[in-house]
Protein backbone atom coordinates (compact mmCIF):
# COMPACT_ATOMS: atom_id res chain seq x y z
CA MET A 1 15.32 19.08 14.86
CA THR A 2 16.26 22.54 13.65
CA PRO A 3 14.34 25.64 14.72
CA VAL A 4 13.04 25.98 11.15
CA VAL A 5 11.51 22.48 11.16
CA GLU A 6 10.13 23.00 14.67
CA LYS A 7 8.51 26.28 13.64
CA LEU A 8 7.02 24.85 10.44
CA GLY A 9 5.72 21.78 12.27
CA ALA A 10 3.94 23.98 14.80
CA ALA A 11 2.48 26.01 11.91
CA VAL A 12 1.12 22.81 10.34
CA ASP A 13 -0.55 21.91 13.64
CA GLU A 14 -2.21 25.33 13.72
CA TRP A 15 -3.31 25.01 10.09
CA VAL A 16 -4.92 21.62 10.75
CA SER A 17 -6.78 22.94 13.79
CA ALA A 18 -8.13 25.85 11.73
CA ASN A 19 -9.06 23.71 8.71
CA GLN A 20 -10.49 20.50 10.19
CA ALA A 21 -13.96 21.26 8.85
CA ALA A 22 -12.61 21.94 5.36
CA LEU A 23 -10.63 18.70 5.41
CA THR A 24 -13.74 16.77 6.40
CA ALA A 25 -15.77 18.42 3.65
CA THR A 26 -13.11 17.52 1.07
CA ARG A 27 -13.06 13.92 2.16
CA ARG A 28 -16.84 13.71 2.03
CA HIS A 29 -16.94 15.18 -1.47
CA LEU A 30 -14.43 12.62 -2.69
CA HIS A 31 -16.26 9.82 -0.87
CA ALA A 32 -19.52 10.74 -2.58
CA HIS A 33 -17.94 10.84 -6.05
CA PRO A 34 -15.80 7.69 -6.45
CA GLU A 35 -14.17 6.77 -9.76
CA LEU A 36 -12.36 3.65 -10.91
CA GLY A 37 -8.69 3.42 -11.87
CA TYR A 38 -7.64 5.49 -14.91
CA ALA A 39 -11.15 6.99 -15.01
CA GLU A 40 -10.64 9.48 -12.15
CA PHE A 41 -11.23 12.52 -14.39
CA GLU A 42 -13.59 14.40 -12.08
CA THR A 43 -11.39 13.66 -9.09
CA THR A 44 -8.35 14.95 -10.95
CA SER A 45 -10.17 18.14 -11.99
CA PHE A 46 -11.38 18.71 -8.45
CA LEU A 47 -7.83 18.41 -7.10
CA GLU A 48 -6.48 20.66 -9.86
CA GLN A 49 -8.94 23.38 -8.95
CA ARG A 50 -8.13 23.16 -5.25
CA LEU A 51 -4.39 23.30 -5.82
CA ARG A 52 -4.58 26.19 -8.28
CA HIS A 53 -6.82 28.11 -5.89
CA HIS A 54 -3.95 28.05 -3.40
CA GLY A 55 -1.39 29.28 -5.91
CA LEU A 56 0.12 25.94 -6.83
CA VAL A 57 0.83 24.62 -10.33
CA PRO A 58 -0.27 20.98 -10.65
CA ARG A 59 0.71 18.86 -13.64
CA ARG A 60 -1.34 15.97 -14.96
CA LEU A 61 0.31 12.59 -15.26
CA PRO A 62 0.73 11.14 -18.76
CA THR A 63 -2.11 8.69 -18.04
CA GLY A 64 -4.60 11.58 -18.20
CA THR A 65 -5.67 11.20 -14.59
CA GLY A 66 -3.67 11.87 -11.47
CA LEU A 67 -1.46 14.83 -10.69
CA THR A 68 1.86 15.89 -9.30
CA VAL A 69 2.56 19.26 -7.68
CA ASP A 70 5.65 20.76 -6.09
CA VAL A 71 5.53 22.85 -2.92
CA GLY A 72 8.71 24.76 -2.14
CA SER A 73 11.84 24.69 -4.26
CA GLY A 74 15.32 23.23 -4.46
CA ASP A 75 16.77 20.07 -3.00
CA PRO A 76 16.10 17.80 -1.31
CA ILE A 77 12.86 16.63 -2.90
CA ILE A 78 10.55 14.53 -0.73
CA VAL A 79 7.62 12.67 -2.32
CA LEU A 80 4.25 12.24 -0.63
CA ARG A 81 1.88 9.87 -2.42
CA GLY A 82 -1.89 9.60 -2.19
CA ASP A 83 -3.94 7.17 -4.29
CA ILE A 84 -7.18 8.50 -5.78
CA ASP A 85 -9.17 5.58 -7.25
CA ALA A 86 -12.16 3.72 -5.81
CA LEU A 87 -13.50 0.17 -5.91
CA PRO A 88 -16.32 -1.48 -7.90
CA LEU A 89 -18.40 -2.07 -4.76
CA ALA A 90 -21.80 -0.79 -3.69
CA ASP A 91 -21.73 1.73 -0.84
CA LEU A 92 -23.99 0.26 1.85
CA LYS A 93 -23.79 3.12 4.37
CA ASP A 94 -26.73 5.35 5.31
CA VAL A 95 -24.78 8.62 5.58
CA PRO A 96 -25.16 12.01 3.82
CA TYR A 97 -21.84 11.51 1.99
CA ALA A 98 -22.54 8.00 0.69
CA SER A 99 -21.50 7.27 -2.88
CA THR A 100 -23.70 8.89 -5.51
CA ARG A 101 -22.50 6.40 -8.12
CA GLU A 102 -24.13 3.00 -8.26
CA GLY A 103 -21.70 0.14 -7.80
CA LEU A 104 -18.72 2.34 -6.88
CA ALA A 105 -17.36 3.16 -3.44
CA HIS A 106 -14.30 4.48 -1.67
CA ALA A 107 -14.08 1.31 0.42
CA CYS A 108 -10.30 1.32 0.85
CA GLY A 109 -9.77 4.81 2.24
CA HIS A 110 -8.28 6.40 -0.86
CA ASP A 111 -10.54 9.42 -0.33
CA VAL A 112 -8.77 9.86 3.01
CA HIS A 113 -5.28 9.38 1.55
CA THR A 114 -6.05 11.96 -1.15
CA THR A 115 -7.46 14.45 1.36
CA VAL A 116 -4.39 14.06 3.58
CA VAL A 117 -1.88 14.72 0.78
CA LEU A 118 -3.99 17.62 -0.54
CA GLY A 119 -4.07 19.03 2.99
CA VAL A 120 -0.29 18.80 3.28
CA ALA A 121 0.17 20.58 -0.05
CA VAL A 122 -2.18 23.42 0.86
CA ALA A 123 -0.82 23.77 4.39
CA LEU A 124 2.83 23.94 3.32
CA ALA A 125 1.99 26.27 0.42
CA SER A 126 0.81 28.82 2.98
CA MET A 127 4.23 28.88 4.68
CA ASP A 128 7.55 30.45 3.82
CA GLY A 129 10.99 28.97 4.26
CA LEU A 130 10.52 25.31 3.35
CA PRO A 131 13.99 23.70 3.41
CA GLY A 132 13.47 21.95 0.08
CA THR A 133 10.64 20.64 -2.10
CA VAL A 134 7.65 18.49 -1.19
CA ARG A 135 6.38 16.73 -4.31
CA CYS A 136 2.81 15.56 -3.85
CA VAL A 137 1.77 12.74 -6.17
CA PHE A 138 -1.94 12.01 -6.57
CA GLN A 139 -1.71 8.56 -8.09
CA PRO A 140 -4.40 6.85 -10.18
CA ALA A 141 -5.31 3.18 -10.37
CA GLU A 142 -3.83 1.68 -7.21
CA GLU A 143 -6.51 -1.01 -7.29
CA THR A 144 -5.48 -2.22 -10.76
CA VAL A 145 -2.75 -4.74 -11.61
CA PRO A 146 0.16 -4.03 -11.75
CA GLY A 147 -1.00 -0.69 -10.38
CA GLY A 148 -0.85 2.94 -11.37
CA ALA A 149 2.41 3.35 -9.47
CA THR A 150 4.18 1.75 -12.44
CA GLU A 151 3.02 4.65 -14.61
CA VAL A 152 4.21 7.17 -12.02
CA VAL A 153 7.67 5.61 -11.95
CA ALA A 154 7.84 5.37 -15.75
CA SER A 155 6.79 9.01 -16.17
CA GLY A 156 9.93 10.25 -14.42
CA VAL A 157 8.11 12.45 -11.90
CA LEU A 158 10.03 10.76 -9.09
CA ASP A 159 13.41 11.63 -10.61
CA GLY A 160 15.65 13.57 -8.29
CA ALA A 161 13.68 12.79 -5.14
CA SER A 162 15.46 11.34 -2.13
CA ARG A 163 12.62 9.33 -0.54
CA ALA A 164 8.85 8.84 -0.53
CA PHE A 165 6.19 8.49 2.16
CA ALA A 166 2.59 7.28 2.08
CA LEU A 167 -0.03 6.16 4.55
CA HIS A 168 -2.94 3.75 4.51
CA CYS A 169 -6.11 3.69 6.55
CA ASP A 170 -6.19 0.91 9.14
CA PRO A 171 -9.57 0.18 10.75
CA SER A 172 -7.95 -2.20 13.26
CA ILE A 173 -6.18 0.77 14.90
CA ALA A 174 -8.01 3.47 16.82
CA ALA A 175 -8.23 6.96 15.36
CA GLY A 176 -5.39 8.98 16.84
CA GLN A 177 -2.96 6.07 16.64
CA ILE A 178 -0.26 5.44 14.03
CA GLY A 179 1.20 2.07 13.04
CA LEU A 180 4.82 1.73 11.92
CA ARG A 181 7.03 -1.15 10.85
CA THR A 182 10.50 -1.50 9.35
CA GLY A 183 10.99 -3.98 6.51
CA PRO A 184 8.14 -5.75 4.70
CA ILE A 185 4.77 -4.32 5.72
CA THR A 186 2.69 -5.62 2.79
CA ALA A 187 3.15 -8.59 0.48
CA ALA A 188 3.69 -9.07 -3.21
CA CYS A 189 0.57 -10.49 -4.79
CA ASP A 190 0.48 -12.42 -8.07
CA ARG A 191 -2.37 -14.35 -9.67
CA MET A 192 -2.04 -17.82 -11.13
CA ASP A 193 -4.57 -19.59 -13.35
CA VAL A 194 -3.92 -23.27 -14.08
CA THR A 195 -5.85 -25.12 -16.80
CA LEU A 196 -5.71 -28.92 -17.12
CA ILE A 197 -6.75 -30.68 -20.32
CA GLY A 198 -7.55 -34.36 -20.95
CA PRO A 199 -9.59 -36.58 -23.26
CA GLY A 200 -12.52 -36.94 -20.85
CA GLY A 201 -14.41 -40.16 -20.26
CA HIS A 202 -16.82 -42.17 -18.14
CA THR A 203 -16.39 -42.29 -14.37
CA ALA A 204 -16.88 -46.06 -14.64
CA ARG A 205 -13.56 -46.35 -16.49
CA PRO A 206 -11.09 -43.76 -15.09
CA GLN A 207 -8.17 -46.04 -15.95
CA LEU A 208 -8.81 -45.49 -19.66
CA THR A 209 -8.50 -41.70 -19.56
CA VAL A 210 -6.99 -38.87 -17.54
CA ASP A 211 -8.97 -38.32 -14.36
CA LEU A 212 -8.96 -34.53 -14.53
CA VAL A 213 -10.79 -33.98 -11.24
CA ASP A 214 -8.26 -36.15 -9.43
CA ALA A 215 -5.47 -34.21 -11.13
CA LEU A 216 -6.95 -30.91 -9.99
CA GLY A 217 -7.18 -32.27 -6.47
CA ARG A 218 -3.50 -33.20 -6.51
CA LEU A 219 -2.54 -29.69 -7.59
CA ILE A 220 -4.78 -28.18 -4.90
CA THR A 221 -3.22 -30.19 -2.10
CA ASP A 222 0.32 -30.89 -3.29
CA LEU A 223 1.44 -27.49 -4.55
CA PRO A 224 1.25 -25.57 -1.24
CA GLY A 225 3.16 -28.34 0.51
CA LEU A 226 5.86 -28.49 -2.15
CA LEU A 227 6.16 -24.70 -2.04
CA SER A 228 6.87 -24.77 1.67
CA ARG A 229 9.95 -26.94 0.98
CA GLN A 230 11.28 -24.81 -1.88
CA VAL A 231 11.32 -21.36 -0.24
CA ASP A 232 12.93 -20.01 2.92
CA PRO A 233 10.07 -19.81 5.45
CA ARG A 234 11.20 -16.31 6.35
CA ALA A 235 10.18 -15.14 2.86
CA GLY A 236 6.55 -15.62 3.85
CA MET A 237 5.48 -17.11 0.51
CA SER A 238 2.03 -18.67 0.29
CA LEU A 239 -0.26 -20.11 -2.36
CA VAL A 240 -4.00 -20.02 -1.68
CA TRP A 241 -6.57 -21.25 -4.16
CA GLY A 242 -9.71 -19.18 -4.59
CA ALA A 243 -11.61 -20.99 -7.35
CA VAL A 244 -11.84 -24.44 -8.91
CA ASN A 245 -14.05 -25.39 -11.85
CA ALA A 246 -14.46 -28.69 -13.68
CA GLY A 247 -17.23 -30.78 -15.15
CA VAL A 248 -21.01 -30.81 -14.93
CA ALA A 249 -22.29 -34.40 -14.83
CA ALA A 250 -21.64 -36.70 -11.89
CA ASN A 251 -20.76 -39.65 -14.16
CA ALA A 252 -18.56 -37.88 -16.73
CA ILE A 253 -14.87 -37.10 -16.34
CA PRO A 254 -14.43 -33.60 -17.82
CA GLN A 255 -12.04 -32.60 -20.58
CA ARG A 256 -11.02 -29.29 -18.96
CA GLY A 257 -10.61 -27.99 -15.46
CA GLN A 258 -9.29 -24.79 -14.00
CA LEU A 259 -7.76 -23.52 -10.76
CA ARG A 260 -7.32 -19.90 -9.80
CA GLY A 261 -5.34 -18.64 -6.86
CA THR A 262 -2.93 -16.05 -5.53
CA VAL A 263 0.75 -16.25 -4.72
CA ARG A 264 1.83 -13.87 -1.96
CA VAL A 265 5.30 -13.23 -0.60
CA LEU A 266 6.93 -10.72 1.75
CA ASP A 267 10.48 -10.97 0.41
CA ARG A 268 11.22 -9.06 -2.81
CA ASP A 269 14.05 -11.38 -3.91
CA ALA A 270 11.80 -14.41 -3.48
CA TRP A 271 9.09 -12.62 -5.45
CA GLN A 272 11.46 -12.17 -8.39
CA GLY A 273 11.75 -15.94 -8.73
CA ALA A 274 8.17 -16.83 -7.83
CA GLU A 275 6.80 -17.23 -11.35
CA GLU A 276 9.53 -19.60 -12.54
CA MET A 277 9.20 -21.68 -9.37
CA MET A 278 5.42 -21.96 -9.58
CA ARG A 279 5.48 -22.96 -13.24
CA SER A 280 8.04 -25.65 -12.46
CA LEU A 281 6.06 -27.04 -9.52
CA VAL A 282 2.80 -27.12 -11.50
CA ALA A 283 4.51 -28.98 -14.34
CA ARG A 284 6.03 -31.53 -11.92
CA VAL A 285 2.70 -32.36 -10.29
CA ALA A 286 0.72 -32.37 -13.54
CA ALA A 287 3.23 -34.73 -15.15
CA THR A 288 2.30 -37.45 -12.67
CA THR A 289 -1.34 -37.32 -13.78
CA GLY A 290 -0.97 -37.38 -17.57
CA ALA A 291 -2.93 -34.16 -18.01
CA GLU A 292 -1.83 -31.37 -20.30
CA VAL A 293 -1.30 -28.14 -18.43
CA GLU A 294 -1.44 -24.43 -19.22
CA VAL A 295 -0.33 -21.80 -16.71
CA ASP A 296 -1.29 -18.16 -16.92
CA TYR A 297 0.83 -16.34 -14.33
CA ILE A 298 0.03 -12.65 -13.83
CA ARG A 299 2.61 -10.67 -11.88
CA GLY A 300 0.94 -8.18 -9.61
CA VAL A 301 2.56 -5.77 -7.18
CA PRO A 302 5.82 -6.09 -5.25
CA PRO A 303 5.94 -6.08 -1.46
CA VAL A 304 6.20 -2.72 0.29
CA VAL A 305 9.52 -2.93 2.13
CA ASN A 306 9.89 0.01 4.49
CA ASP A 307 13.34 1.59 4.54
CA PRO A 308 14.73 1.78 8.12
CA ARG A 309 15.89 5.40 7.90
CA SER A 310 12.59 6.51 6.39
CA VAL A 311 10.69 4.73 9.17
CA ALA A 312 12.88 6.52 11.71
CA LEU A 313 11.87 9.83 10.14
CA LEU A 314 8.21 8.80 10.22
CA ARG A 315 8.62 7.84 13.86
CA ASN A 316 9.96 11.28 14.73
CA ALA A 317 6.97 12.81 12.97
CA ALA A 318 4.55 10.43 14.69
CA MET A 319 6.00 11.17 18.12
CA GLU A 320 5.38 14.88 17.56
CA THR A 321 1.92 14.20 16.11
CA VAL A 322 0.36 11.73 18.56
CA GLY A 323 2.99 10.95 21.21
CA HIS A 324 4.78 7.72 22.12
CA ASP A 325 1.71 6.10 23.68
CA LYS A 326 -0.22 6.29 20.41
CA LEU A 327 2.41 4.49 18.33
CA VAL A 328 1.76 0.81 17.58
CA LEU A 329 3.80 -1.88 15.87
CA SER A 330 1.95 -2.58 12.64
CA PRO A 331 1.73 -6.28 11.78
CA GLN A 332 2.79 -7.50 8.37
CA SER A 333 -0.10 -7.71 5.94
CA MET A 334 -0.39 -10.27 3.14
CA GLY A 335 -2.45 -7.75 1.18
CA GLY A 336 -0.99 -5.98 -1.84
CA GLU A 337 -0.16 -2.27 -2.27
CA ASP A 338 1.41 -0.83 -5.42
CA PHE A 339 3.40 1.80 -3.50
CA GLY A 340 6.08 -0.91 -3.50
CA TRP A 341 6.96 0.07 -7.09
CA PHE A 342 8.29 3.41 -5.81
CA ALA A 343 11.09 1.45 -4.11
CA ASP A 344 12.54 0.75 -7.57
CA VAL A 345 13.87 4.30 -7.59
CA MET A 346 14.09 5.49 -3.96
CA PRO A 347 13.72 4.50 -0.30
CA ILE A 348 10.09 4.40 0.84
CA ALA A 349 8.03 4.09 4.00
CA LEU A 350 4.32 3.39 4.45
CA ALA A 351 2.55 4.19 7.73
CA ARG A 352 -0.78 2.89 9.02
CA LEU A 353 -3.31 5.58 9.93
CA GLY A 354 -5.73 4.52 12.64
CA THR A 355 -9.34 5.16 11.60
CA HIS A 356 -11.43 3.12 14.06
CA GLY A 357 -13.83 5.30 16.00
CA GLY A 358 -15.48 2.70 18.22
CA GLY A 359 -17.90 -0.18 17.77
CA PRO A 360 -17.28 -3.10 15.42
CA PRO A 361 -14.35 -2.47 13.03
CA LEU A 362 -15.52 -1.38 9.57
CA ASP A 363 -13.17 -3.43 7.44
CA LEU A 364 -11.54 -2.40 4.17
CA HIS A 365 -12.99 -3.48 0.81
CA ARG A 366 -16.51 -3.67 2.19
CA GLY A 367 -19.42 -1.43 1.34
CA THR A 368 -19.81 -0.52 5.00
CA PHE A 369 -16.28 0.90 5.38
CA ASP A 370 -16.09 4.31 7.01
CA ILE A 371 -13.70 6.22 9.26
CA ASP A 372 -13.52 8.42 12.31
CA GLU A 373 -12.83 11.67 10.48
CA ARG A 374 -10.57 12.97 13.25
CA ALA A 375 -7.96 10.72 11.63
CA ILE A 376 -7.66 13.07 8.64
CA GLY A 377 -5.95 15.82 10.63
CA VAL A 378 -3.63 13.26 12.19
CA GLY A 379 -2.62 12.13 8.71
CA VAL A 380 -1.91 15.67 7.50
CA ARG A 381 0.24 16.43 10.53
CA LEU A 382 2.09 13.10 10.21
CA LEU A 383 3.01 13.38 6.53
CA ALA A 384 3.81 17.09 6.70
CA ARG A 385 6.16 16.55 9.62
CA ALA A 386 7.68 13.48 7.97
CA ALA A 387 8.46 15.58 4.90
CA LEU A 388 9.98 18.33 7.05
CA HIS A 389 12.18 15.88 8.94
CA ALA A 390 13.22 14.20 5.69
CA MET A 391 14.18 17.51 4.08
CA GLU A 392 16.31 18.28 7.11
CA ALA A 393 17.92 14.81 7.11
CA ASP A 394 18.54 14.66 3.35
CA ALA A 395 19.93 18.16 2.95
CA ALA A 396 23.53 18.16 1.71
CA PRO A 397 25.90 19.04 4.58
CA PRO A 398 27.98 22.19 4.22
CA ALA A 399 31.26 21.49 2.45
CA SER A 400 33.29 22.50 5.50
CA SER A 401 31.37 20.31 7.92
CA PRO A 402 33.22 17.24 9.21
CA PRO A 403 31.36 13.95 9.01
CA ALA A 404 29.15 13.28 12.00
CA PRO A 405 30.43 10.62 14.39
CA PRO A 406 28.51 7.34 14.40
CA ARG A 407 25.75 7.15 16.97
CA THR A 408 24.08 4.23 18.62
CA ARG A 409 20.44 4.36 19.47
CA ARG A 410 17.66 2.22 20.75
CA PRO A 411 15.49 0.68 18.02
CA ALA A 412 12.45 2.87 17.45
CA PRO A 413 8.83 1.75 17.72
CA GLY A 414 8.05 0.16 14.38
CA ASP A 415 11.73 -0.64 13.72
CA THR A 416 11.97 -4.42 13.32
CA SER A 417 15.30 -4.30 11.50
CA ALA A 418 17.47 -4.30 14.62
CA ASP A 419 19.31 -7.50 15.49
CA THR A 420 17.36 -9.10 18.34
CA ARG A 421 20.60 -10.38 19.85
CA THR A 422 21.82 -6.87 20.53
CA ARG A 423 18.73 -4.71 21.02
CA ARG A 424 17.16 -4.18 24.40
CA PRO A 425 14.30 -6.64 24.89
CA THR A 426 11.89 -3.97 26.08
CA ASP A 427 11.77 -2.09 22.79
CA ASP A 428 9.01 -4.09 21.11
CA GLU A 429 7.16 -3.94 24.40
CA SER A 430 7.16 -0.15 24.09
CA HIS A 431 4.48 -0.51 21.43
CA ARG A 432 0.91 -0.91 22.30
CA PRO A 433 -0.40 -3.94 20.40
CA ALA A 434 -2.31 -3.00 17.27
CA GLY A 435 -6.02 -3.14 17.85
């Protein structure tokens, strides 16, 4: 770490200490005023005003909501992303900052993510001598499919950047802890609707028609088993049904039936071929029943696959932010996160921000979700330091500098990419288990 990065990192720490109350107030304002994807107009205006107040020049995304703003100048360019949309859930908490909008709530921590990235922008804008540019992206519509990240990528605002960082609230980790992982940390998530069609008939004479309920049952039970023999188990692909509908009367075989489920996978290459494989397997099973079949396959978001070097930079930042004892190995999640689209154009890394403040965990996507607000300052310090380390690492070396000799190092906490045959066995044990 250069003296410049060390000095700026210490300045960020001081800024967070002096502005903790303001960060909390910002988060509470956002929490009380949630908006759905692509309708975050008030949120966008609020962020615009805050950024302009601190001398920055934000630019709206082409979608009409969401912003991007540059802090500093020149290369390298490091992207920090915060998602700004909320969920269509009722806020069930009895707190002064509960949602003021019926049926809407920040139940996934996006108010925290937004506050953190805003805090980084404002903190770094108050400092001189940044060794590059930090591009803060306030992204709309993460909760939609295929996600607002696709619009960010298509808009070109990521062009020229060398890597991107983001974080996500994790109520299974204590506030003050940070979870890291190399490789897949979240899964791709697609939706599949299967409709079976037959002539219908009387349950007394199933041999004269297509027994649609039996056919649905075969798809429900056979498809997951067939899938397990078509895909490398290490890809982590799964099919789970969430809804089945057919018929009304107990003595009538229906003419239509429908299944709905999700296909999830940790491996991006396997995800690319998932739709073709699922359509083929559905057709094979349905053919044995005589039913006509229609498949509506909706591609969702890709897996978030954390780049090893970017995780190493995050680890350096986390060590300086919370210390080695507060780092945990984040487990892989089968949930979806559209930050994975950023990997189409650059290396990415997503960290888990511990938000649990004691008592029963307040899980994501529930109306009771809340955080220990001390986590906000941890997030600002983490992402600011990650950006500083990345600018230092990605800076072009002087033309006269010889190439650095290769170095060997121990795998870092959160780094699961190392070959287990060669790494020291104590490295994973250096993490505290999540939760």
